[in-house]
Protein backbone atom coordinates (compact mmCIF):
# COMPACT_ATOMS: atom_id res chain seq x y z
CA MET A 1 -33.93 -19.65 32.17
CA VAL A 2 -31.28 -17.65 30.30
CA ASP A 3 -30.38 -14.08 31.48
CA ALA A 4 -31.04 -11.28 29.16
CA GLY A 5 -27.82 -9.56 29.79
CA VAL A 6 -26.11 -12.80 29.08
CA SER A 7 -27.85 -13.24 25.96
CA LEU A 8 -27.37 -9.50 24.80
CA SER A 9 -23.60 -10.01 25.70
CA ARG A 10 -23.33 -13.01 23.62
CA SER A 11 -25.06 -11.20 20.75
CA ARG A 12 -22.37 -8.49 21.23
CA VAL A 13 -19.43 -10.75 20.98
CA ASP A 14 -20.93 -12.61 18.03
CA LYS A 15 -21.47 -9.30 16.13
CA GLN A 16 -17.87 -8.30 17.23
CA ARG A 17 -16.58 -11.63 15.98
CA ASN A 18 -18.40 -11.28 12.70
CA ARG A 19 -17.09 -7.78 11.97
CA THR A 20 -13.68 -8.76 12.82
CA HIS A 21 -13.93 -11.70 10.48
CA ILE A 22 -15.44 -9.56 7.60
CA LEU A 23 -12.67 -7.03 8.01
CA GLU A 24 -9.66 -9.99 7.97
CA VAL A 25 -11.63 -11.23 4.73
CA ALA A 26 -11.95 -7.84 3.17
CA GLU A 27 -8.24 -7.05 3.90
CA GLN A 28 -7.33 -10.19 1.95
CA VAL A 29 -9.60 -9.34 -0.88
CA PHE A 30 -8.70 -5.77 -1.23
CA THR A 31 -4.86 -6.54 -1.12
CA ALA A 32 -5.23 -9.21 -3.81
CA GLN A 33 -7.71 -7.29 -5.93
CA GLY A 34 -7.43 -3.59 -5.07
CA VAL A 35 -10.51 -1.55 -3.80
CA ALA A 36 -12.51 -2.65 -6.71
CA GLY A 37 -12.89 -5.97 -5.06
CA SER A 38 -16.32 -7.39 -4.98
CA MET A 39 -18.24 -6.81 -2.00
CA ASP A 40 -20.27 -10.07 -2.95
CA ALA A 41 -17.05 -11.99 -3.12
CA ILE A 42 -16.10 -10.83 0.34
CA ALA A 43 -19.55 -11.77 1.70
CA LYS A 44 -19.15 -15.12 0.09
CA LEU A 45 -15.31 -15.73 1.21
CA ALA A 46 -16.29 -14.62 4.81
CA GLY A 47 -19.27 -17.26 4.57
CA ILE A 48 -21.98 -14.84 5.13
CA GLY A 49 -24.80 -13.61 3.09
CA PRO A 50 -24.75 -9.92 1.56
CA GLY A 51 -27.23 -8.93 4.07
CA THR A 52 -24.98 -9.51 6.99
CA LEU A 53 -22.07 -7.63 5.32
CA TYR A 54 -24.02 -4.58 4.68
CA ARG A 55 -25.48 -4.52 8.10
CA HIS A 56 -21.93 -4.11 9.22
CA PHE A 57 -20.71 -2.06 6.54
CA PRO A 58 -23.36 -0.33 4.65
CA ASN A 59 -21.06 0.54 1.68
CA ARG A 60 -17.50 0.27 0.33
CA GLU A 61 -16.49 3.20 1.90
CA ALA A 62 -17.43 2.20 5.34
CA LEU A 63 -15.51 -0.81 4.78
CA LEU A 64 -12.49 0.94 3.72
CA ALA A 65 -12.87 3.41 6.46
CA ALA A 66 -12.79 0.53 9.06
CA LEU A 67 -9.78 -1.33 7.35
CA LEU A 68 -7.94 1.96 7.23
CA GLN A 69 -8.67 2.79 11.07
CA ALA A 70 -6.19 -0.06 11.88
CA ARG A 71 -3.70 1.22 9.49
CA GLY A 72 -4.46 4.69 10.82
CA ASP A 73 -2.91 3.69 14.05
CA ASP A 74 0.54 2.69 12.59
CA LEU A 75 0.43 6.01 10.70
CA LYS A 76 -0.19 7.93 14.01
CA SER A 77 2.84 5.98 15.62
CA ARG A 78 4.94 7.01 12.54
CA ARG A 79 3.75 10.59 13.09
CA ASP A 80 4.92 10.37 16.83
CA ASP A 81 8.27 9.07 15.80
CA ILE A 82 8.79 11.96 13.41
CA ARG A 83 7.91 14.53 16.17
CA ARG A 84 10.29 13.06 18.53
CA ALA A 85 13.19 12.18 16.28
CA VAL A 86 13.16 14.98 13.64
CA SER A 87 14.21 18.38 14.96
CA ASP A 88 14.00 20.08 11.38
CA SER A 89 10.47 20.89 10.64
CA THR A 90 11.02 21.02 6.85
CA GLU A 91 12.43 17.58 7.27
CA ALA A 92 9.67 16.44 9.38
CA LEU A 93 6.87 17.64 6.95
CA ALA A 94 8.79 15.71 4.15
CA GLN A 95 8.92 12.44 6.33
CA TRP A 96 5.41 12.96 7.31
CA LEU A 97 4.34 13.27 3.62
CA ASP A 98 6.34 9.95 2.63
CA ALA A 99 4.52 8.11 5.46
CA LEU A 100 1.14 9.58 4.42
CA GLY A 101 2.25 8.41 0.86
CA GLN A 102 2.83 4.58 2.35
CA TRP A 103 -0.40 4.64 4.05
CA ALA A 104 -2.26 5.52 0.85
CA THR A 105 -0.73 2.77 -0.94
CA ALA A 106 -2.24 0.08 1.24
CA PHE A 107 -4.64 -1.09 -1.56
CA ASP A 108 -4.37 -0.61 -5.31
CA GLY A 109 -6.86 2.00 -6.36
CA LEU A 110 -7.00 3.58 -2.87
CA PRO A 111 -6.20 7.06 -3.85
CA GLU A 112 -9.25 7.55 -5.87
CA PRO A 113 -12.04 6.83 -3.16
CA LEU A 114 -9.81 9.05 -0.63
CA ARG A 115 -10.21 11.88 -3.11
CA MET A 116 -13.88 11.53 -3.81
CA ALA A 117 -14.30 11.52 0.05
CA LEU A 118 -13.08 15.16 0.22
CA THR A 119 -15.88 15.91 -2.17
CA GLU A 120 -18.49 13.87 -0.15
CA GLU A 121 -19.23 14.91 3.27
CA THR A 122 -21.19 12.11 4.04
CA SER A 123 -18.54 9.63 3.14
CA PRO A 124 -17.12 7.45 5.95
CA LEU A 125 -13.58 8.09 4.53
CA ALA A 126 -14.26 11.86 4.70
CA LEU A 127 -13.43 11.98 8.34
CA THR A 128 -10.38 9.78 7.98
CA CYS A 129 -8.97 12.10 5.21
CA GLN A 130 -9.79 15.21 7.37
CA GLY A 131 -8.00 13.96 10.28
CA TYR A 132 -4.95 13.45 8.08
CA ILE A 133 -5.33 16.86 6.57
CA THR A 134 -5.10 18.37 10.20
CA MET A 135 -1.89 16.30 10.93
CA THR A 136 -0.50 17.54 7.63
CA GLU A 137 -1.41 20.96 8.79
CA GLU A 138 0.74 20.79 11.87
CA PHE A 139 3.72 19.79 10.23
CA LEU A 140 3.21 22.14 7.51
CA ARG A 141 2.62 25.21 9.83
CA ALA A 142 5.97 24.23 11.79
CA ALA A 143 7.81 24.41 8.45
CA GLN A 144 6.07 27.60 7.32
CA ARG A 145 6.89 29.20 10.99
CA ASP A 146 10.66 28.20 10.35
CA GLY A 147 10.72 29.39 6.79
CA GLY A 148 10.95 26.08 5.30
CA ALA A 149 7.55 25.95 3.39
CA ARG A 150 5.81 28.51 1.29
CA PRO A 151 3.23 30.42 3.18
CA GLN A 152 0.54 29.94 0.60
CA VAL A 153 0.69 26.22 0.70
CA ARG A 154 -2.33 24.51 2.25
CA ALA A 155 -2.40 21.20 4.00
CA ARG A 156 -5.16 19.95 1.73
CA ASP A 157 -3.25 20.58 -1.19
CA LEU A 158 -0.30 18.62 0.32
CA PHE A 159 -2.84 15.52 1.10
CA LEU A 160 -4.12 15.68 -2.60
CA GLY A 161 -0.42 15.85 -3.96
CA VAL A 162 0.27 12.85 -1.80
CA LEU A 163 -2.79 10.94 -3.34
CA ALA A 164 -1.67 11.98 -6.76
CA THR A 165 1.60 10.70 -6.41
CA THR A 166 0.54 7.56 -5.08
CA TRP A 167 -1.91 7.42 -7.71
CA VAL A 168 0.59 7.80 -10.48
CA ARG A 169 2.43 4.66 -9.58
CA ASP A 170 -0.41 2.53 -11.20
CA ALA A 171 -0.82 4.70 -14.08
CA ALA A 172 -0.40 3.29 -17.44
CA MET A 173 2.38 5.66 -18.44
CA ALA A 174 4.23 5.24 -15.16
CA ASP A 175 7.58 3.66 -14.83
CA GLU A 176 9.45 2.95 -11.72
CA SER A 177 10.72 6.48 -11.33
CA SER A 178 7.53 8.44 -11.87
CA GLU A 179 6.28 8.20 -8.22
CA HIS A 180 9.97 9.31 -6.95
CA GLY A 181 9.93 12.19 -9.61
CA LEU A 182 6.52 13.47 -8.77
CA SER A 183 7.14 13.42 -5.06
CA THR A 184 10.25 15.38 -6.07
CA VAL A 185 8.15 17.90 -7.94
CA LEU A 186 5.64 18.25 -5.13
CA ARG A 187 8.44 18.90 -2.70
CA CYS A 188 9.80 21.75 -4.80
CA GLY A 189 6.29 23.11 -4.90
CA TRP A 190 6.02 23.48 -0.96
CA ALA A 191 9.52 23.92 0.00
CA THR A 192 11.36 27.26 0.03
CA PRO A 193 14.29 27.72 -2.32
């Protein structure tokens, strides 16, 4: 006779293994095709049915949120490094915004679903975005307190500015200097003269 606890434990292990495998395959698909990569292609490459995929991740935003969570650990580590190593609050804010911009380029097309998440409270990405806005606010308030950032600047606007800057990288009219140029313009907007 099989113990019900052992059976339940195996079920949890299988479920976690499936989830991990789906995330690995989704990472490959989104890296190759951007965030518009097909959910059906992810299920097929993972060797599962679409129903299994959607039981784990009910929509693309939930899948992206799970993928970005792992990358978020790296970003939080970068935040901690900046806090430890950079004593100038204005430079710390600039470095944080650069790190945030690198995070937002994890997959082609990522800035758009992140931007949309800010308008949809039910999006799984909304909490992810809000967390990074809160972290941005910590750096911004320090820079404002020290006179390095304009008092009227908001962390949400800086987050949106970072998304716009990373979005422009893939815009049809952009060239190799467009992203840097827009980052410079953004800094001129938040930094005190």
